[in-house]
Amino acid sequence: MWDILVGGATVAIVALTDDEQVVLARQYRPGPGRVLLEEAGYEAATLEVVMRTFLASYASHRRHAVLARGCRKVAEPRLDDGEFIETVLMPIGAFVQHVLSGQMTDTDLAFAGLVAAGYLKP
C-alpha cells in the first residue's frame, strides 16, 4: 500500500524587471514548500511556462515554473486578512546566490526560471 499526497496545481514565478531585478514576495511559510499583481503589485509584459513537474514521486500535485519578464510596479499589493507579504527587489546576481544557498522554497523551479532567462547554463 502507498500513501499518495494529493493536491492541486501550483505555480512558482521567477519575475524579472527590465533592469535585471528579481521581484520577490517574502512571506512566512510554515513548511518547505496568487497572482503576482495581487500579492506584489507588479505586472509582467510576458509570461512563459518553462517547466512542469510533480511535487514528489509519491504525489499527484503538479507544479509549474513560470518566467515573467518586463515586470513593473503598477499598483500596491492587495493582501487578504491575515496575509503578510513583503515585496523585495533583488539584483539577479544576488538572487542566483540566494537560490544556491538552499534557503528558499521551490528552488528547482527557480533554477528552471533562471536557465530559461539565460542566467544559468543547463
N, C-alpha and C. Protein backbone atom coordinates (compact mmCIF):
# COMPACT_ATOMS: atom_id res chain seq x y z
N MET A 1 0.83 -1.16 0.00
CA MET A 1 0.00 0.00 0.00
C MET A 1 0.89 1.25 0.00
N TRP A 2 0.45 2.28 -0.72
CA TRP A 2 1.20 3.52 -0.86
C TRP A 2 0.39 4.70 -0.35
N ASP A 3 1.05 5.60 0.32
CA ASP A 3 0.42 6.88 0.68
C ASP A 3 0.73 7.85 -0.45
N ILE A 4 -0.29 8.46 -1.03
CA ILE A 4 -0.12 9.42 -2.12
C ILE A 4 -0.57 10.80 -1.63
N LEU A 5 0.29 11.79 -1.82
CA LEU A 5 -0.05 13.16 -1.49
C LEU A 5 -0.84 13.74 -2.66
N VAL A 6 -2.09 14.11 -2.40
CA VAL A 6 -2.96 14.63 -3.45
C VAL A 6 -3.12 16.13 -3.26
N GLY A 7 -2.99 16.88 -4.34
CA GLY A 7 -3.14 18.33 -4.26
C GLY A 7 -3.36 18.91 -5.64
N GLY A 8 -3.72 20.16 -5.68
CA GLY A 8 -3.95 20.85 -6.93
C GLY A 8 -2.65 21.39 -7.51
N ALA A 9 -2.76 22.00 -8.67
CA ALA A 9 -1.60 22.58 -9.34
C ALA A 9 -1.18 23.88 -8.66
N THR A 10 0.12 24.15 -8.65
CA THR A 10 0.66 25.39 -8.12
C THR A 10 1.61 26.00 -9.16
N VAL A 11 1.90 27.27 -8.97
CA VAL A 11 2.80 27.99 -9.88
C VAL A 11 3.83 28.74 -9.05
N ALA A 12 5.10 28.64 -9.45
CA ALA A 12 6.17 29.46 -8.89
C ALA A 12 6.67 30.35 -10.02
N ILE A 13 6.78 31.65 -9.74
CA ILE A 13 7.14 32.62 -10.77
C ILE A 13 8.51 33.21 -10.48
N VAL A 14 9.39 33.21 -11.49
CA VAL A 14 10.61 33.99 -11.45
C VAL A 14 10.29 35.26 -12.22
N ALA A 15 10.17 36.37 -11.49
CA ALA A 15 9.70 37.64 -12.05
C ALA A 15 10.88 38.61 -12.20
N LEU A 16 11.14 39.03 -13.43
CA LEU A 16 12.29 39.90 -13.73
C LEU A 16 11.84 41.25 -14.24
N THR A 17 12.48 42.30 -13.73
CA THR A 17 12.25 43.65 -14.26
C THR A 17 13.20 43.87 -15.42
N ASP A 18 12.96 44.92 -16.19
CA ASP A 18 13.84 45.22 -17.32
C ASP A 18 15.26 45.57 -16.91
N ASP A 19 15.44 46.06 -15.66
CA ASP A 19 16.79 46.40 -15.20
C ASP A 19 17.42 45.28 -14.36
N GLU A 20 17.02 44.04 -14.64
CA GLU A 20 17.60 42.82 -14.07
C GLU A 20 17.48 42.73 -12.55
N GLN A 21 16.31 43.10 -12.04
CA GLN A 21 15.96 42.89 -10.64
C GLN A 21 14.95 41.75 -10.60
N VAL A 22 15.00 40.96 -9.55
CA VAL A 22 14.03 39.89 -9.35
C VAL A 22 13.01 40.38 -8.32
N VAL A 23 11.73 40.23 -8.64
CA VAL A 23 10.66 40.62 -7.73
C VAL A 23 10.35 39.42 -6.84
N LEU A 24 10.53 39.60 -5.54
CA LEU A 24 10.30 38.51 -4.60
C LEU A 24 9.18 38.87 -3.64
N ALA A 25 8.42 37.89 -3.25
CA ALA A 25 7.40 38.05 -2.21
C ALA A 25 7.93 37.32 -0.99
N ARG A 26 8.42 38.08 -0.03
CA ARG A 26 8.94 37.49 1.21
C ARG A 26 7.75 37.21 2.11
N GLN A 27 7.61 35.93 2.50
CA GLN A 27 6.43 35.50 3.24
C GLN A 27 6.80 34.34 4.15
N TYR A 28 6.25 34.35 5.36
CA TYR A 28 6.43 33.21 6.25
C TYR A 28 5.72 32.01 5.66
N ARG A 29 6.41 30.87 5.63
CA ARG A 29 5.80 29.64 5.16
C ARG A 29 5.99 28.58 6.24
N PRO A 30 4.91 27.95 6.68
CA PRO A 30 5.03 27.01 7.78
C PRO A 30 5.74 25.71 7.42
N GLY A 31 5.92 25.43 6.17
CA GLY A 31 6.63 24.23 5.73
C GLY A 31 7.46 24.58 4.52
N PRO A 32 8.28 23.64 4.08
CA PRO A 32 9.13 23.95 2.92
C PRO A 32 8.32 23.97 1.64
N GLY A 33 7.78 24.27 1.60
CA GLY A 33 7.03 24.37 0.39
C GLY A 33 6.00 25.56 0.45
N ARG A 34 -0.69 33.75 -5.83
CA ARG A 34 -1.77 34.42 -6.49
C ARG A 34 -1.26 35.23 -7.64
N VAL A 35 -1.71 35.39 -7.77
CA VAL A 35 -1.37 36.21 -8.91
C VAL A 35 -0.35 37.26 -8.47
N LEU A 36 0.69 37.46 -9.29
CA LEU A 36 1.77 38.39 -8.94
C LEU A 36 1.24 39.79 -8.68
N LEU A 37 0.33 40.27 -9.49
CA LEU A 37 -0.19 41.63 -9.32
C LEU A 37 -0.88 41.77 -7.98
N GLU A 38 -1.63 40.76 -7.59
CA GLU A 38 -2.38 40.82 -6.34
C GLU A 38 -1.45 40.86 -5.14
N GLU A 39 -0.43 40.03 -5.11
CA GLU A 39 0.42 39.93 -3.94
C GLU A 39 1.58 40.91 -3.92
N ALA A 40 2.10 41.31 -5.08
CA ALA A 40 3.27 42.16 -5.12
C ALA A 40 3.02 43.52 -5.76
N GLY A 41 1.94 43.66 -6.54
CA GLY A 41 1.65 44.92 -7.20
C GLY A 41 2.38 45.08 -8.53
N TYR A 42 2.96 43.99 -9.04
CA TYR A 42 3.70 44.04 -10.31
C TYR A 42 2.92 43.34 -11.42
N GLU A 43 3.12 43.83 -12.62
CA GLU A 43 2.51 43.25 -13.81
C GLU A 43 3.64 42.86 -14.77
N ALA A 44 3.51 41.73 -15.44
CA ALA A 44 4.53 41.25 -16.36
C ALA A 44 4.15 41.54 -17.80
N ALA A 45 5.16 41.87 -18.62
CA ALA A 45 4.93 42.06 -20.05
C ALA A 45 4.70 40.72 -20.73
N THR A 46 5.45 39.68 -20.28
CA THR A 46 5.30 38.35 -20.87
C THR A 46 5.38 37.29 -19.78
N LEU A 47 4.70 36.17 -20.01
CA LEU A 47 4.74 35.01 -19.13
C LEU A 47 5.02 33.77 -19.97
N GLU A 48 5.91 32.92 -19.48
CA GLU A 48 6.25 31.69 -20.21
C GLU A 48 6.37 30.54 -19.21
N VAL A 49 5.61 29.47 -19.41
CA VAL A 49 5.77 28.27 -18.59
C VAL A 49 7.04 27.57 -19.06
N VAL A 50 8.01 27.42 -18.15
CA VAL A 50 9.31 26.87 -18.55
C VAL A 50 9.55 25.47 -18.00
N MET A 51 8.70 25.01 -17.08
CA MET A 51 8.86 23.65 -16.55
C MET A 51 7.58 23.22 -15.87
N ARG A 52 7.29 21.92 -16.00
CA ARG A 52 6.19 21.29 -15.25
C ARG A 52 6.78 20.06 -14.58
N THR A 53 6.41 19.86 -13.34
CA THR A 53 6.94 18.72 -12.61
C THR A 53 5.94 18.30 -11.54
N PHE A 54 6.19 17.17 -10.92
CA PHE A 54 5.41 16.73 -9.78
C PHE A 54 6.10 17.18 -8.50
N LEU A 55 5.34 17.37 -7.44
CA LEU A 55 5.91 17.75 -6.15
C LEU A 55 6.92 16.70 -5.70
N ALA A 56 6.57 15.44 -5.87
CA ALA A 56 7.44 14.33 -5.47
C ALA A 56 6.96 13.07 -6.18
N SER A 57 7.72 12.00 -6.06
CA SER A 57 7.35 10.75 -6.72
C SER A 57 6.12 10.10 -6.09
N TYR A 58 5.75 10.54 -4.90
CA TYR A 58 4.58 9.99 -4.19
C TYR A 58 3.42 10.99 -4.17
N ALA A 59 3.38 11.91 -5.16
CA ALA A 59 2.37 12.96 -5.15
C ALA A 59 1.71 13.11 -6.52
N SER A 60 0.45 13.51 -6.50
CA SER A 60 -0.25 13.83 -7.74
C SER A 60 -0.21 15.34 -8.00
N HIS A 61 0.33 16.06 -7.07
CA HIS A 61 0.40 17.52 -7.08
C HIS A 61 1.35 18.00 -8.19
N ARG A 62 0.82 18.77 -9.16
CA ARG A 62 1.62 19.31 -10.28
C ARG A 62 2.10 20.71 -9.94
N ARG A 63 3.35 20.99 -10.30
CA ARG A 63 3.93 22.32 -10.09
C ARG A 63 4.39 22.87 -11.44
N HIS A 64 4.29 24.18 -11.59
CA HIS A 64 4.67 24.84 -12.84
C HIS A 64 5.64 25.97 -12.52
N ALA A 65 6.72 26.08 -13.28
CA ALA A 65 7.65 27.20 -13.18
C ALA A 65 7.33 28.16 -14.32
N VAL A 66 7.14 29.44 -13.99
CA VAL A 66 6.81 30.46 -14.97
C VAL A 66 7.87 31.56 -14.92
N LEU A 67 8.34 31.96 -16.09
CA LEU A 67 9.26 33.08 -16.21
C LEU A 67 8.45 34.30 -16.63
N ALA A 68 8.47 35.33 -15.79
CA ALA A 68 7.77 36.58 -16.06
C ALA A 68 8.82 37.64 -16.38
N ARG A 69 8.73 38.23 -17.57
CA ARG A 69 9.70 39.26 -17.97
C ARG A 69 9.01 40.61 -18.08
N GLY A 70 9.83 41.66 -17.99
CA GLY A 70 9.31 43.01 -18.14
C GLY A 70 8.37 43.41 -17.03
N CYS A 71 8.64 42.94 -15.81
CA CYS A 71 7.77 43.25 -14.68
C CYS A 71 7.95 44.71 -14.26
N ARG A 72 6.82 45.34 -13.96
CA ARG A 72 6.85 46.73 -13.49
C ARG A 72 5.73 46.92 -12.47
N LYS A 73 6.01 47.79 -11.50
CA LYS A 73 5.03 48.04 -10.45
C LYS A 73 3.91 48.91 -11.01
N VAL A 74 2.67 48.43 -10.84
CA VAL A 74 1.51 49.17 -11.35
C VAL A 74 0.47 49.44 -10.27
N ALA A 75 0.64 48.84 -9.09
CA ALA A 75 -0.34 49.01 -8.02
C ALA A 75 0.29 48.61 -6.69
N GLU A 76 -0.38 48.96 -5.64
CA GLU A 76 0.03 48.50 -4.32
C GLU A 76 -0.50 47.07 -4.14
N PRO A 77 0.22 46.24 -3.40
CA PRO A 77 -0.26 44.87 -3.17
C PRO A 77 -1.63 44.86 -2.49
N ARG A 78 -2.46 43.87 -2.85
CA ARG A 78 -3.77 43.66 -2.21
C ARG A 78 -3.71 42.32 -1.48
N LEU A 79 -3.63 42.39 -0.18
CA LEU A 79 -3.47 41.18 0.62
C LEU A 79 -4.76 40.84 1.33
N ASP A 80 -4.99 39.55 1.51
CA ASP A 80 -6.14 39.08 2.29
C ASP A 80 -5.86 39.31 3.77
N ASP A 81 -6.93 39.32 4.57
CA ASP A 81 -6.77 39.43 6.03
C ASP A 81 -5.87 38.30 6.51
N GLY A 82 -4.92 38.63 7.37
CA GLY A 82 -4.03 37.62 7.91
C GLY A 82 -2.87 37.26 6.98
N GLU A 83 -2.79 37.90 5.83
CA GLU A 83 -1.71 37.61 4.88
C GLU A 83 -0.65 38.70 5.02
N PHE A 84 0.58 38.28 5.27
CA PHE A 84 1.68 39.21 5.46
C PHE A 84 2.77 38.91 4.45
N ILE A 85 2.91 39.78 3.46
CA ILE A 85 3.89 39.59 2.40
C ILE A 85 4.63 40.90 2.19
N GLU A 86 5.95 40.82 2.11
CA GLU A 86 6.79 41.98 1.82
C GLU A 86 7.37 41.81 0.42
N THR A 87 7.15 42.80 -0.44
CA THR A 87 7.73 42.76 -1.79
C THR A 87 9.16 43.28 -1.73
N VAL A 88 10.09 42.51 -2.29
CA VAL A 88 11.51 42.84 -2.26
C VAL A 88 12.06 42.75 -3.68
N LEU A 89 12.88 43.73 -4.07
CA LEU A 89 13.62 43.65 -5.34
C LEU A 89 15.05 43.24 -5.02
N MET A 90 15.57 42.28 -5.77
CA MET A 90 16.92 41.77 -5.54
C MET A 90 17.65 41.71 -6.88
N PRO A 91 18.88 42.22 -6.95
CA PRO A 91 19.65 42.10 -8.20
C PRO A 91 19.81 40.63 -8.59
N ILE A 92 19.81 40.38 -9.89
CA ILE A 92 19.85 38.99 -10.38
C ILE A 92 21.02 38.20 -9.81
N GLY A 93 22.20 38.80 -9.71
CA GLY A 93 23.35 38.08 -9.15
C GLY A 93 23.13 37.64 -7.71
N ALA A 94 22.55 38.52 -6.92
CA ALA A 94 22.25 38.19 -5.53
C ALA A 94 21.18 37.10 -5.46
N PHE A 95 20.21 37.15 -6.40
CA PHE A 95 19.17 36.11 -6.41
C PHE A 95 19.76 34.75 -6.74
N VAL A 96 20.67 34.69 -7.71
CA VAL A 96 21.32 33.41 -8.04
C VAL A 96 22.01 32.87 -6.79
N GLN A 97 22.73 33.72 -6.06
CA GLN A 97 23.40 33.27 -4.84
C GLN A 97 22.38 32.82 -3.79
N HIS A 98 21.26 33.51 -3.71
CA HIS A 98 20.20 33.14 -2.77
C HIS A 98 19.64 31.75 -3.10
N VAL A 99 19.41 31.50 -4.38
CA VAL A 99 18.92 30.19 -4.81
C VAL A 99 19.94 29.11 -4.47
N LEU A 100 21.21 29.38 -4.74
CA LEU A 100 22.26 28.40 -4.47
C LEU A 100 22.47 28.15 -2.98
N SER A 101 22.04 29.09 -2.13
CA SER A 101 22.24 28.96 -0.68
C SER A 101 21.36 27.88 -0.07
N GLY A 102 20.28 27.49 -0.76
CA GLY A 102 19.38 26.47 -0.24
C GLY A 102 18.43 26.97 0.83
N GLN A 103 18.27 28.30 0.95
CA GLN A 103 17.42 28.86 1.99
C GLN A 103 16.01 29.19 1.52
N MET A 104 15.66 28.86 0.29
CA MET A 104 14.34 29.21 -0.20
C MET A 104 13.55 27.97 -0.58
N THR A 105 12.24 28.11 -0.69
CA THR A 105 11.40 27.01 -1.16
C THR A 105 11.35 27.06 -2.68
N ASP A 106 10.92 26.00 -3.30
CA ASP A 106 10.77 25.91 -4.75
C ASP A 106 12.07 26.20 -5.50
N THR A 107 13.19 25.74 -4.95
CA THR A 107 14.50 26.00 -5.55
C THR A 107 14.58 25.44 -6.96
N ASP A 108 14.05 24.23 -7.18
CA ASP A 108 14.12 23.64 -8.52
C ASP A 108 13.38 24.48 -9.55
N LEU A 109 12.26 25.07 -9.16
CA LEU A 109 11.51 25.91 -10.07
C LEU A 109 12.24 27.22 -10.33
N ALA A 110 12.92 27.75 -9.31
CA ALA A 110 13.74 28.95 -9.50
C ALA A 110 14.87 28.66 -10.48
N PHE A 111 15.52 27.51 -10.35
CA PHE A 111 16.57 27.12 -11.31
C PHE A 111 16.02 27.08 -12.73
N ALA A 112 14.84 26.51 -12.91
CA ALA A 112 14.24 26.43 -14.24
C ALA A 112 14.02 27.82 -14.83
N GLY A 113 13.54 28.75 -14.03
CA GLY A 113 13.34 30.11 -14.50
C GLY A 113 14.63 30.80 -14.85
N LEU A 114 15.67 30.61 -14.03
CA LEU A 114 16.97 31.22 -14.30
C LEU A 114 17.62 30.66 -15.56
N VAL A 115 17.47 29.35 -15.77
CA VAL A 115 18.01 28.75 -17.00
C VAL A 115 17.26 29.30 -18.23
N ALA A 116 15.93 29.35 -18.14
CA ALA A 116 15.14 29.86 -19.26
C ALA A 116 15.47 31.32 -19.57
N ALA A 117 15.81 32.10 -18.54
CA ALA A 117 16.13 33.52 -18.74
C ALA A 117 17.56 33.71 -19.23
N GLY A 118 18.35 32.64 -19.22
CA GLY A 118 19.72 32.73 -19.70
C GLY A 118 20.76 33.10 -18.64
N TYR A 119 20.38 33.08 -17.36
CA TYR A 119 21.31 33.43 -16.30
C TYR A 119 22.11 32.23 -15.80
N LEU A 120 21.63 31.04 -16.07
CA LEU A 120 22.34 29.80 -15.74
C LEU A 120 22.37 28.92 -16.97
N LYS A 121 23.43 28.17 -17.13
CA LYS A 121 23.52 27.24 -18.26
C LYS A 121 22.99 25.87 -17.83
N PRO A 122 22.26 25.19 -18.74
CA PRO A 122 21.72 23.87 -18.39
C PRO A 122 22.83 22.84 -18.22
